Amino acid sequence: FIDESKLSLTDIGDRFNINRTTVSKILKKRHIYENLEQPQTKQFKLQKGAFPLVEEALFKWYGAARNANIPINYSVLKEKALSFHQKLRDQNAEIKEAFEASDGWIHKFLKRYDLSSRDIYNCDETGLYYRLGPSRTIAAKSEKCKGTKKDKSRLTILFVTNASGDVKLKPFVIGTSARPRCMKNINFNTLPVKYANNSSAWMTGELWLKWLKWLDSQLTRDSVLLCDNCPAHVDVSNTKFDHLKIVFLPPNTTSVLQPLDAGIIKAFKANYRNLLVKYWIDSFDKNKTLVPINVKQAIDFIGDAWSLVSQLTIKRCWKHVGILPSEVLRQLNLESTSDNFDKSLNLNDLSKLLENLNHLDSEMNMSSDDYLEIDSTCGTFEVPKEDDIINDVLVNNNLVSINLNQKEDDVDDDIEIPLVSKSEALDGFKKYISYLEHLDGIDYEDIKKLKEVNSKADLLEISKLKQQKILNFFTNTKK
């Protein structure tokens, strides 16, 4: 109850998030609303099937069979349902006698237990020589491409996606430096990846556990994560997760059973190399040299390359490995699509870019297929050396300078990116908006979204100014 005599119409509207006019109309009809009878609340319960004991037994068996990678279809489920029904009757359970396990019953069972392609995930690591160019030559002889041919600066990337391909979470990128010099002034929350580091840029048991906890926090439904037996994937059976269940694939089968290994990561690599070669060609046009990229640019390319991996490619790879039950596979709607993954990679664009790059430097002479395999020797984990363990412990506890945890490549090559002033940013933003306004296909909603981000930045600036003014009241007056 609100005493409107003590509050203005605007105050009441603000409290309930409605406008002043609506408040006025409601108050005018207040006597009508107060005399209305209270409606009876309707109780909703989760609908159970006619054979709940059969469903419970079938669901337990289904989960165990799926974890063991046993192929499951309607016929298998029907056979098991009938078997469980008979065994329950043999145990004198209170259960109806007539039971057919029809296709309709199986369908309702799967729907009731919500066994969806959206809830089955796969994760896998890959190594990336993020600066390495398409040269067969070990040593760089030409000054045109200094820092691109033989540079094996590396990152480890962990990808995760679900079977329906509509959930592609941020890649987990592991580098050597906690904060590379080129990212000194960067807010890490704005990056298209989650970033971590250790002295070798490897996946470790500690990082694996941290990532799993983060993944669990991103989920809203009970989900299964399929992963390989990489030594860094330590046992987490004693760790409690809210939504996540981890299932390890059988040893020595990941190249056959893991969807990310069946073409998803290859699609990412094709996109990344496309972006990298295009950058080099553009930089040569401007600077007459092939400028190596830094970690920040590599991270931006990783984010763009991952977003370009299509949902259709992901679905095809899940279908190709054949680990999904028939009912879940039907949810992917792939009956009329081809399984030719190489066509979906569209390597023609990369081949043309490599030809252009070869014209600029004849030593850049790899084919697109060979260039996509260039990371094959880039590992993602190793048993850490004692010196590396000690160094990481010292760094994590702030007992040594963070710079001691950087590789020489990071220190020498990555240049600190200067801060952009607000006035510079605003001038550039206005010019970009003006540019967009001349393009066909751009509408007001597109520009509106950009302006909303600009307004958010303005509010953050104002908030900082207010905080500074408040602190001014607490200056030390003692002399």
Protein backbone atom coordinates (compact mmCIF):
# COMPACT_ATOMS: atom_id res chain seq x y z
CA PHE A 1 0.00 0.00 0.00
CA ILE A 2 1.30 3.47 -0.91
CA ASP A 3 0.05 6.72 0.61
CA GLU A 4 0.01 8.90 -2.47
CA SER A 5 -0.47 12.01 -0.34
CA LYS A 6 3.15 11.67 0.79
CA LEU A 7 4.61 10.88 -2.62
CA SER A 8 4.41 12.69 -5.94
CA LEU A 9 3.13 10.91 -9.04
CA THR A 10 6.69 10.96 -10.40
CA ASP A 11 8.05 9.29 -7.22
CA ILE A 12 5.43 6.53 -7.43
CA GLY A 13 6.18 6.02 -11.14
CA ASP A 14 9.89 5.75 -10.47
CA ARG A 15 9.29 3.13 -7.79
CA PHE A 16 7.26 0.87 -10.09
CA ASN A 17 9.04 1.81 -13.34
CA ILE A 18 5.95 3.31 -15.00
CA ASN A 19 5.30 6.82 -16.31
CA ARG A 20 3.48 9.61 -14.46
CA THR A 21 0.37 9.46 -16.68
CA THR A 22 -0.16 5.74 -15.99
CA VAL A 23 0.10 6.36 -12.23
CA SER A 24 -2.56 9.06 -12.46
CA LYS A 25 -4.98 6.78 -14.36
CA ILE A 26 -4.53 3.95 -11.86
CA LEU A 27 -5.16 6.19 -8.87
CA LYS A 28 -8.36 7.55 -10.43
CA LYS A 29 -9.73 3.97 -10.63
CA ARG A 30 -8.31 2.91 -7.30
CA HIS A 31 -11.73 2.09 -5.76
CA ILE A 32 -12.49 -0.29 -8.65
CA TYR A 33 -9.24 -2.21 -8.28
CA GLU A 34 -9.56 -2.47 -4.48
CA ASN A 35 -13.04 -4.08 -4.75
CA LEU A 36 -11.99 -6.75 -7.20
CA GLU A 37 -12.08 -10.34 -5.87
CA GLN A 38 -8.72 -12.03 -5.58
CA PRO A 39 -8.40 -14.73 -8.30
CA GLN A 40 -7.65 -18.25 -7.21
CA THR A 41 -4.08 -19.17 -7.92
CA LYS A 42 -3.61 -22.15 -10.17
CA GLN A 43 -1.09 -24.75 -9.07
CA PHE A 44 1.16 -26.15 -11.74
CA LYS A 45 3.04 -29.40 -11.35
CA LEU A 46 5.60 -31.00 -13.56
CA GLN A 47 3.72 -33.56 -15.61
CA LYS A 48 4.89 -37.11 -15.14
CA GLY A 49 4.45 -39.93 -17.56
CA ALA A 50 2.09 -42.84 -16.99
CA PHE A 51 5.04 -45.12 -16.18
CA PRO A 52 7.35 -43.03 -13.93
CA LEU A 53 9.32 -46.04 -12.63
CA VAL A 54 10.07 -47.18 -16.18
CA GLU A 55 11.14 -43.64 -17.11
CA GLU A 56 13.44 -43.38 -14.09
CA ALA A 57 15.11 -46.71 -14.88
CA LEU A 58 15.39 -45.87 -18.57
CA PHE A 59 16.91 -42.46 -17.85
CA LYS A 60 19.58 -43.98 -15.58
CA TRP A 61 20.45 -46.54 -18.26
CA TYR A 62 20.42 -43.88 -20.98
CA GLY A 63 22.95 -41.73 -19.09
CA ALA A 64 25.28 -44.69 -18.50
CA ALA A 65 25.05 -45.85 -22.13
CA ARG A 66 25.72 -42.36 -23.47
CA ASN A 67 28.78 -41.99 -21.24
CA ALA A 68 30.07 -45.29 -22.63
CA ASN A 69 29.51 -44.05 -26.20
CA ILE A 70 27.00 -46.83 -26.94
CA PRO A 71 24.95 -45.97 -30.06
CA ILE A 72 21.31 -45.40 -29.08
CA ASN A 73 18.22 -45.15 -31.28
CA TYR A 74 14.46 -45.50 -30.88
CA SER A 75 14.58 -49.30 -31.27
CA VAL A 76 17.16 -49.68 -28.50
CA LEU A 77 15.21 -47.39 -26.17
CA LYS A 78 11.97 -49.27 -26.85
CA GLU A 79 13.64 -52.62 -26.14
CA LYS A 80 15.13 -51.34 -22.88
CA ALA A 81 11.85 -49.72 -21.79
CA LEU A 82 9.96 -52.98 -22.31
CA SER A 83 12.66 -54.89 -20.45
CA PHE A 84 12.56 -52.50 -17.47
CA HIS A 85 8.76 -52.65 -17.41
CA GLN A 86 8.80 -56.44 -17.16
CA LYS A 87 11.53 -56.50 -14.50
CA LEU A 88 9.64 -53.96 -12.39
CA ARG A 89 6.51 -56.12 -12.61
CA ASP A 90 8.58 -59.16 -11.62
CA GLN A 91 9.56 -57.22 -8.49
CA ASN A 92 5.84 -56.63 -7.73
CA ALA A 93 6.16 -52.88 -8.30
CA GLU A 94 2.87 -50.99 -8.57
CA ILE A 95 2.83 -50.46 -12.31
CA LYS A 96 0.24 -50.75 -15.08
CA GLU A 97 0.26 -53.99 -17.01
CA ALA A 98 -0.40 -52.65 -20.52
CA PHE A 99 2.77 -51.02 -21.88
CA GLU A 100 3.81 -50.78 -25.53
CA ALA A 101 6.81 -48.36 -25.51
CA SER A 102 5.53 -46.78 -28.71
CA ASP A 103 7.45 -44.20 -30.73
CA GLY A 104 5.16 -41.57 -29.23
CA TRP A 105 6.00 -42.69 -25.68
CA ILE A 106 9.75 -42.64 -26.45
CA HIS A 107 9.43 -39.16 -27.97
CA LYS A 108 7.58 -37.84 -24.89
CA PHE A 109 10.15 -39.50 -22.62
CA LEU A 110 13.03 -37.73 -24.38
CA LYS A 111 11.15 -34.44 -24.38
CA ARG A 112 10.22 -34.74 -20.69
CA TYR A 113 13.82 -35.35 -19.68
CA ASP A 114 14.95 -32.61 -22.04
CA LEU A 115 17.82 -34.55 -23.61
CA SER A 116 18.85 -31.85 -26.03
CA SER A 117 21.72 -31.20 -28.41
CA ARG A 118 22.07 -27.82 -26.66
CA ASP A 119 23.24 -29.57 -23.49
CA ILE A 120 26.07 -31.70 -24.93
CA TYR A 121 29.45 -29.96 -25.22
CA ASN A 122 32.92 -30.79 -26.46
CA CYS A 123 36.15 -29.00 -25.57
CA ASP A 124 39.67 -29.36 -26.94
CA GLU A 125 42.97 -27.47 -27.00
CA THR A 126 45.07 -26.50 -29.97
CA GLY A 127 48.45 -24.81 -30.26
CA LEU A 128 48.85 -21.72 -32.43
CA TYR A 129 52.04 -20.17 -33.82
CA TYR A 130 50.22 -16.90 -34.05
CA ARG A 131 52.91 -14.98 -35.99
CA LEU A 132 54.26 -17.70 -38.23
CA GLY A 133 54.16 -17.06 -41.98
CA PRO A 134 53.69 -19.57 -44.84
CA SER A 135 57.39 -20.07 -45.53
CA ARG A 136 59.14 -23.39 -46.06
CA THR A 137 62.42 -21.69 -45.19
CA ILE A 138 63.61 -22.09 -41.63
CA ALA A 139 65.68 -18.89 -41.58
CA ALA A 140 64.44 -15.57 -42.86
CA LYS A 141 66.76 -14.07 -45.48
CA SER A 142 64.59 -11.21 -46.61
CA GLU A 143 64.16 -8.06 -44.56
CA LYS A 144 60.69 -7.63 -46.07
CA CYS A 145 59.19 -10.13 -43.66
CA LYS A 146 61.39 -9.91 -40.60
CA GLY A 147 59.63 -11.51 -37.64
CA THR A 148 57.09 -13.48 -39.66
CA LYS A 149 58.80 -16.48 -41.28
CA LYS A 150 60.56 -18.20 -38.41
CA ASP A 151 58.71 -16.65 -35.47
CA LYS A 152 57.28 -19.47 -33.37
CA SER A 153 55.69 -17.34 -30.66
CA ARG A 154 52.90 -19.55 -29.46
CA LEU A 155 49.56 -19.56 -27.68
CA THR A 156 47.41 -22.43 -26.43
CA ILE A 157 43.69 -22.12 -27.13
CA LEU A 158 40.88 -24.15 -25.54
CA PHE A 159 37.62 -24.17 -27.51
CA VAL A 160 34.18 -25.35 -26.39
CA THR A 161 30.91 -25.63 -28.28
CA ASN A 162 27.68 -27.56 -28.00
CA ALA A 163 26.27 -30.05 -30.50
CA SER A 164 23.62 -27.69 -31.85
CA GLY A 165 26.32 -25.12 -32.62
CA ASP A 166 24.38 -22.22 -31.13
CA VAL A 167 26.63 -21.89 -28.07
CA LYS A 168 30.26 -21.00 -28.79
CA LEU A 169 31.76 -19.67 -25.59
CA LYS A 170 34.81 -17.42 -25.47
CA PRO A 171 38.03 -19.26 -26.39
CA PHE A 172 40.38 -19.75 -23.43
CA VAL A 173 43.77 -18.39 -24.50
CA ILE A 174 46.96 -19.17 -22.56
CA GLY A 175 50.03 -17.01 -23.16
CA THR A 176 53.39 -16.54 -21.47
CA SER A 177 52.85 -13.09 -19.99
CA ALA A 178 50.26 -12.15 -17.37
CA ARG A 179 49.85 -8.75 -19.01
CA PRO A 180 51.75 -8.33 -22.29
CA ARG A 181 53.11 -4.84 -22.85
CA CYS A 182 50.74 -4.30 -25.76
CA MET A 183 47.83 -4.97 -23.36
CA LYS A 184 49.05 -2.83 -20.47
CA ASN A 185 46.14 -0.39 -20.69
CA ILE A 186 43.51 -2.90 -21.87
CA ASN A 187 40.47 -3.87 -19.82
CA PHE A 188 40.56 -7.68 -20.14
CA ASN A 189 36.75 -7.84 -19.93
CA THR A 190 36.61 -6.27 -23.40
CA LEU A 191 38.67 -9.08 -24.97
CA PRO A 192 36.89 -11.68 -27.16
CA VAL A 193 38.66 -14.43 -25.17
CA LYS A 194 39.34 -15.46 -21.60
CA TYR A 195 43.06 -14.99 -21.00
CA ALA A 196 45.47 -16.73 -18.62
CA ASN A 197 49.19 -17.35 -18.56
CA ASN A 198 52.07 -19.43 -17.35
CA SER A 199 55.75 -19.44 -18.22
CA SER A 200 55.35 -21.91 -21.12
CA ALA A 201 51.84 -21.03 -22.40
CA TRP A 202 50.76 -24.61 -21.67
CA MET A 203 47.48 -25.96 -20.37
CA THR A 204 47.97 -27.13 -16.78
CA GLY A 205 45.83 -28.93 -14.23
CA GLU A 206 45.38 -25.70 -12.28
CA LEU A 207 44.18 -23.75 -15.32
CA TRP A 208 41.95 -26.66 -16.37
CA LEU A 209 40.16 -26.64 -13.02
CA LYS A 210 39.73 -22.85 -13.08
CA TRP A 211 38.31 -23.02 -16.59
CA LEU A 212 35.85 -25.78 -15.67
CA LYS A 213 34.52 -23.69 -12.79
CA TRP A 214 34.11 -20.74 -15.16
CA LEU A 215 32.32 -22.94 -17.72
CA ASP A 216 29.96 -24.23 -15.03
CA SER A 217 29.13 -20.64 -14.09
CA GLN A 218 28.10 -19.94 -17.70
CA LEU A 219 25.58 -22.79 -17.80
CA THR A 220 21.94 -22.58 -16.78
CA ARG A 221 21.00 -26.22 -17.46
CA ASP A 222 22.49 -29.59 -16.60
CA SER A 223 25.03 -30.32 -19.34
CA VAL A 224 27.57 -32.94 -20.38
CA LEU A 225 31.13 -31.99 -21.40
CA LEU A 226 33.01 -34.49 -23.56
CA CYS A 227 36.80 -34.14 -23.38
CA ASP A 228 39.97 -36.11 -24.07
CA ASN A 229 42.46 -37.64 -21.64
CA CYS A 230 45.13 -34.95 -21.95
CA PRO A 231 47.42 -35.18 -18.88
CA ALA A 232 46.48 -31.60 -18.00
CA HIS A 233 42.84 -32.66 -17.71
CA VAL A 234 43.20 -33.70 -14.09
CA ASP A 235 40.57 -35.63 -12.14
CA VAL A 236 37.87 -33.30 -10.79
CA SER A 237 35.54 -35.98 -9.43
CA ASN A 238 35.74 -34.39 -5.97
CA THR A 239 34.87 -30.94 -7.31
CA LYS A 240 31.23 -29.92 -7.05
CA PHE A 241 29.64 -28.33 -10.12
CA ASP A 242 26.15 -26.88 -10.33
CA HIS A 243 25.38 -27.94 -13.91
CA LEU A 244 28.42 -29.63 -15.41
CA LYS A 245 29.09 -33.34 -15.81
CA ILE A 246 32.45 -34.27 -17.33
CA VAL A 247 32.81 -37.38 -19.49
CA PHE A 248 36.25 -38.46 -20.71
CA LEU A 249 36.44 -40.05 -24.13
CA PRO A 250 38.25 -43.41 -24.38
CA PRO A 251 42.06 -43.11 -24.81
CA ASN A 252 43.44 -42.90 -28.35
CA THR A 253 40.00 -42.19 -29.85
CA THR A 254 39.84 -38.40 -29.74
CA SER A 255 40.83 -37.93 -33.39
CA VAL A 256 37.85 -40.12 -34.32
CA LEU A 257 35.25 -39.24 -31.68
CA GLN A 258 35.95 -35.60 -30.88
CA PRO A 259 33.89 -33.10 -32.97
CA LEU A 260 36.41 -30.28 -32.51
CA ASP A 261 39.10 -32.52 -34.03
CA ALA A 262 36.79 -33.51 -36.88
CA GLY A 263 36.91 -30.14 -38.60
CA ILE A 264 35.82 -27.37 -36.21
CA ILE A 265 39.36 -26.39 -35.19
CA LYS A 266 40.49 -26.70 -38.81
CA ALA A 267 37.76 -24.24 -39.80
CA PHE A 268 39.01 -21.85 -37.11
CA LYS A 269 42.61 -22.18 -38.33
CA ALA A 270 41.53 -21.42 -41.93
CA ASN A 271 39.75 -18.27 -40.73
CA TYR A 272 42.72 -17.20 -38.58
CA ARG A 273 45.29 -17.66 -41.35
CA ASN A 274 43.00 -15.78 -43.73
CA LEU A 275 42.91 -12.80 -41.37
CA LEU A 276 46.67 -12.94 -40.72
CA VAL A 277 47.71 -13.09 -44.39
CA LYS A 278 45.26 -10.33 -45.29
CA TYR A 279 46.76 -8.17 -42.53
CA TRP A 280 50.27 -8.73 -43.91
CA ILE A 281 49.22 -7.79 -47.44
CA ASP A 282 47.52 -4.63 -46.18
CA SER A 283 50.53 -3.71 -44.03
CA PHE A 284 52.87 -4.20 -47.00
CA ASP A 285 50.73 -1.85 -49.10
CA LYS A 286 51.10 0.80 -46.40
CA ASN A 287 54.63 0.23 -45.07
CA LYS A 288 56.38 -1.79 -47.82
CA THR A 289 57.17 -4.42 -45.20
CA LEU A 290 55.34 -7.31 -43.54
CA VAL A 291 54.76 -6.14 -39.99
CA PRO A 292 54.55 -8.92 -37.34
CA ILE A 293 51.50 -8.87 -35.09
CA ASN A 294 51.49 -8.63 -31.30
CA VAL A 295 49.51 -10.72 -28.79
CA LYS A 296 46.62 -8.23 -28.69
CA GLN A 297 46.19 -8.40 -32.46
CA ALA A 298 46.42 -12.19 -32.34
CA ILE A 299 43.67 -12.29 -29.70
CA ASP A 300 41.45 -10.06 -31.85
CA PHE A 301 42.05 -12.37 -34.84
CA ILE A 302 41.25 -15.40 -32.65
CA GLY A 303 37.95 -13.85 -31.61
CA ASP A 304 37.03 -12.97 -35.20
CA ALA A 305 38.11 -16.36 -36.57
CA TRP A 306 36.08 -18.25 -33.95
CA SER A 307 32.96 -16.18 -34.61
CA LEU A 308 33.27 -17.02 -38.33
CA VAL A 309 33.03 -20.78 -37.69
CA SER A 310 29.47 -21.48 -38.82
CA GLN A 311 26.80 -23.33 -36.89
CA LEU A 312 26.39 -25.65 -39.88
CA THR A 313 30.08 -26.64 -39.78
CA ILE A 314 29.78 -27.45 -36.06
CA LYS A 315 26.66 -29.56 -36.59
CA ARG A 316 28.28 -31.47 -39.46
CA CYS A 317 31.31 -32.32 -37.33
CA TRP A 318 29.14 -33.62 -34.50
CA LYS A 319 27.21 -35.74 -36.97
CA HIS A 320 30.41 -37.00 -38.60
CA VAL A 321 31.92 -38.47 -35.41
CA GLY A 322 28.73 -40.44 -34.76
CA ILE A 323 28.61 -40.17 -30.95
CA LEU A 324 25.15 -38.56 -30.66
CA PRO A 325 22.06 -40.68 -29.97
CA SER A 326 19.62 -40.88 -32.88
CA GLU A 327 17.00 -38.69 -31.19
CA VAL A 328 19.55 -35.95 -30.44
CA LEU A 329 21.01 -36.26 -33.95
CA ARG A 330 17.57 -35.65 -35.43
CA GLN A 331 17.44 -32.31 -33.60
CA LEU A 332 20.33 -31.07 -35.75
CA ASN A 333 18.17 -31.22 -38.94
CA LEU A 334 21.06 -32.32 -41.16
CA GLU A 335 19.36 -34.93 -43.33
CA SER A 336 19.75 -32.90 -46.53
CA THR A 337 23.26 -31.54 -45.95
CA SER A 338 26.61 -32.83 -47.19
CA ASP A 339 29.37 -34.08 -44.88
CA ASN A 340 32.13 -32.58 -47.04
CA PHE A 341 33.84 -30.38 -44.46
CA ASP A 342 36.66 -29.21 -46.71
CA LYS A 343 34.17 -27.48 -49.02
CA SER A 344 32.72 -25.59 -46.06
CA LEU A 345 36.20 -24.31 -45.17
CA ASN A 346 36.27 -22.28 -48.38
CA LEU A 347 40.04 -22.52 -48.82
CA ASN A 348 39.85 -20.67 -52.14
CA ASP A 349 40.05 -17.32 -50.34
CA LEU A 350 43.16 -18.40 -48.42
CA SER A 351 44.79 -19.77 -51.58
CA LYS A 352 44.28 -16.46 -53.40
CA LEU A 353 45.67 -14.48 -50.48
CA LEU A 354 48.73 -16.75 -50.32
CA GLU A 355 49.33 -16.21 -54.04
CA ASN A 356 49.26 -12.44 -53.50
CA LEU A 357 51.63 -12.76 -50.55
CA ASN A 358 53.99 -14.89 -52.63
CA HIS A 359 54.16 -12.09 -55.21
CA LEU A 360 55.37 -9.78 -52.44
CA ASP A 361 57.93 -12.28 -51.16
CA SER A 362 58.80 -15.45 -53.08
CA GLU A 363 59.83 -17.26 -49.87
CA MET A 364 56.22 -17.16 -48.67
CA ASN A 365 55.56 -20.26 -50.71
CA MET A 366 53.30 -22.67 -48.80
CA SER A 367 50.03 -24.05 -50.14
CA SER A 368 46.87 -23.44 -48.12
CA ASP A 369 46.75 -27.09 -47.01
CA ASP A 370 50.35 -27.02 -45.77
CA TYR A 371 49.85 -23.67 -44.06
CA LEU A 372 46.89 -25.03 -42.10
CA GLU A 373 49.12 -27.85 -40.82
CA ILE A 374 51.89 -25.51 -39.69
CA ASP A 375 50.79 -25.74 -36.04
CA SER A 376 51.00 -29.55 -35.98
CA THR A 377 54.20 -29.43 -33.90
CA CYS A 378 52.79 -26.82 -31.52
CA GLY A 379 52.01 -28.74 -28.32
CA THR A 380 49.43 -27.72 -25.77
CA PHE A 381 50.74 -29.29 -22.56
CA GLU A 382 53.78 -30.83 -20.91
CA VAL A 383 54.80 -32.01 -17.49
CA PRO A 384 56.08 -28.74 -15.99
CA LYS A 385 59.73 -28.46 -15.01
CA GLU A 386 60.60 -27.75 -11.39
CA ASP A 387 62.06 -24.34 -12.23
CA ASP A 388 58.86 -23.38 -14.07
CA ILE A 389 56.73 -24.51 -11.12
CA ILE A 390 58.80 -22.45 -8.68
CA ASN A 391 58.71 -19.43 -10.98
CA ASP A 392 54.91 -19.63 -11.38
CA VAL A 393 54.43 -19.95 -7.61
CA LEU A 394 56.62 -16.90 -6.97
CA VAL A 395 54.81 -14.84 -9.60
CA ASN A 396 51.32 -15.88 -8.43
CA ASN A 397 52.21 -14.81 -4.89
CA ASN A 398 53.74 -11.48 -6.00
CA LEU A 399 57.16 -12.50 -4.69
CA VAL A 400 58.96 -11.63 -7.93
CA SER A 401 58.38 -9.07 -10.65
CA ILE A 402 55.79 -10.11 -13.21
CA ASN A 403 58.31 -9.40 -15.97
CA LEU A 404 60.24 -12.49 -14.94
CA ASN A 405 57.32 -14.51 -16.24
CA GLN A 406 57.63 -13.17 -19.77
CA LYS A 407 59.34 -14.74 -22.74
CA GLU A 408 61.94 -12.76 -24.63
CA ASP A 409 59.66 -12.50 -27.68
CA ASP A 410 57.04 -10.72 -25.59
CA VAL A 411 59.50 -8.29 -24.04
CA ASP A 412 61.30 -7.39 -27.27
CA ASP A 413 58.49 -7.30 -29.81
CA ASP A 414 55.33 -6.19 -28.03
CA ILE A 415 55.18 -2.41 -27.86
CA GLU A 416 52.95 -0.71 -25.32
CA ILE A 417 49.84 0.69 -27.00
CA PRO A 418 49.31 4.33 -25.92
CA LEU A 419 46.01 5.37 -24.39
CA VAL A 420 43.57 7.12 -26.72
CA SER A 421 42.19 10.39 -25.36
CA LYS A 422 38.46 10.95 -25.17
CA SER A 423 38.59 13.78 -27.71
CA GLU A 424 40.53 11.61 -30.18
CA ALA A 425 38.09 8.76 -29.72
CA LEU A 426 35.07 11.03 -30.15
CA ASP A 427 36.45 12.54 -33.36
CA GLY A 428 37.06 9.07 -34.76
CA PHE A 429 33.60 7.91 -33.68
CA LYS A 430 31.89 10.83 -35.42
CA LYS A 431 33.82 10.15 -38.62
CA TYR A 432 32.91 6.46 -38.49
CA ILE A 433 29.22 7.26 -38.01
CA SER A 434 29.42 9.64 -40.97
CA TYR A 435 31.04 6.88 -43.04
CA LEU A 436 28.29 4.40 -42.13
CA GLU A 437 25.56 6.86 -43.06
CA HIS A 438 26.75 6.74 -46.68
CA LEU A 439 26.56 2.93 -46.95
CA ASP A 440 23.64 1.07 -48.45
CA GLY A 441 22.42 -1.72 -46.17
CA ILE A 442 23.09 0.18 -42.94
CA ASP A 443 19.95 1.32 -41.12
CA TYR A 444 19.17 3.44 -38.08
CA GLU A 445 19.11 0.46 -35.70
CA ASP A 446 22.74 -0.34 -36.57
CA ILE A 447 23.87 3.19 -35.83
CA LYS A 448 21.68 3.35 -32.72
CA LYS A 449 23.55 0.41 -31.18
CA LEU A 450 26.89 2.16 -31.68
CA LYS A 451 25.53 5.36 -30.14
CA GLU A 452 24.27 3.40 -27.13
CA VAL A 453 27.80 2.10 -26.52
CA ASN A 454 29.09 5.68 -26.81
CA SER A 455 26.51 6.84 -24.26
CA LYS A 456 27.59 4.06 -21.89
CA ALA A 457 31.20 5.24 -22.19
CA ASP A 458 30.09 8.80 -21.39
CA LEU A 459 28.29 7.62 -18.25
CA LEU A 460 31.41 5.75 -17.11
CA GLU A 461 33.47 8.94 -17.56
CA ILE A 462 30.93 10.97 -15.57
CA SER A 463 30.95 8.32 -12.82
CA LYS A 464 34.75 8.61 -12.53
CA LEU A 465 34.50 12.40 -12.26
CA LYS A 466 31.91 12.13 -9.47
CA GLN A 467 34.13 9.73 -7.52
CA GLN A 468 37.04 12.12 -7.79
CA LYS A 469 34.93 15.02 -6.50
CA ILE A 470 33.75 12.99 -3.48
CA LEU A 471 37.34 12.13 -2.58
CA ASN A 472 38.22 15.80 -2.63
CA PHE A 473 36.16 16.24 0.58
CA PHE A 474 38.52 13.92 2.44
CA THR A 475 41.76 15.82 1.84
CA ASN A 476 44.14 16.06 4.78
CA THR A 477 43.76 19.50 6.40
CA LYS A 478 46.56 19.02 8.93
CA LYS A 479 49.64 21.16 8.42
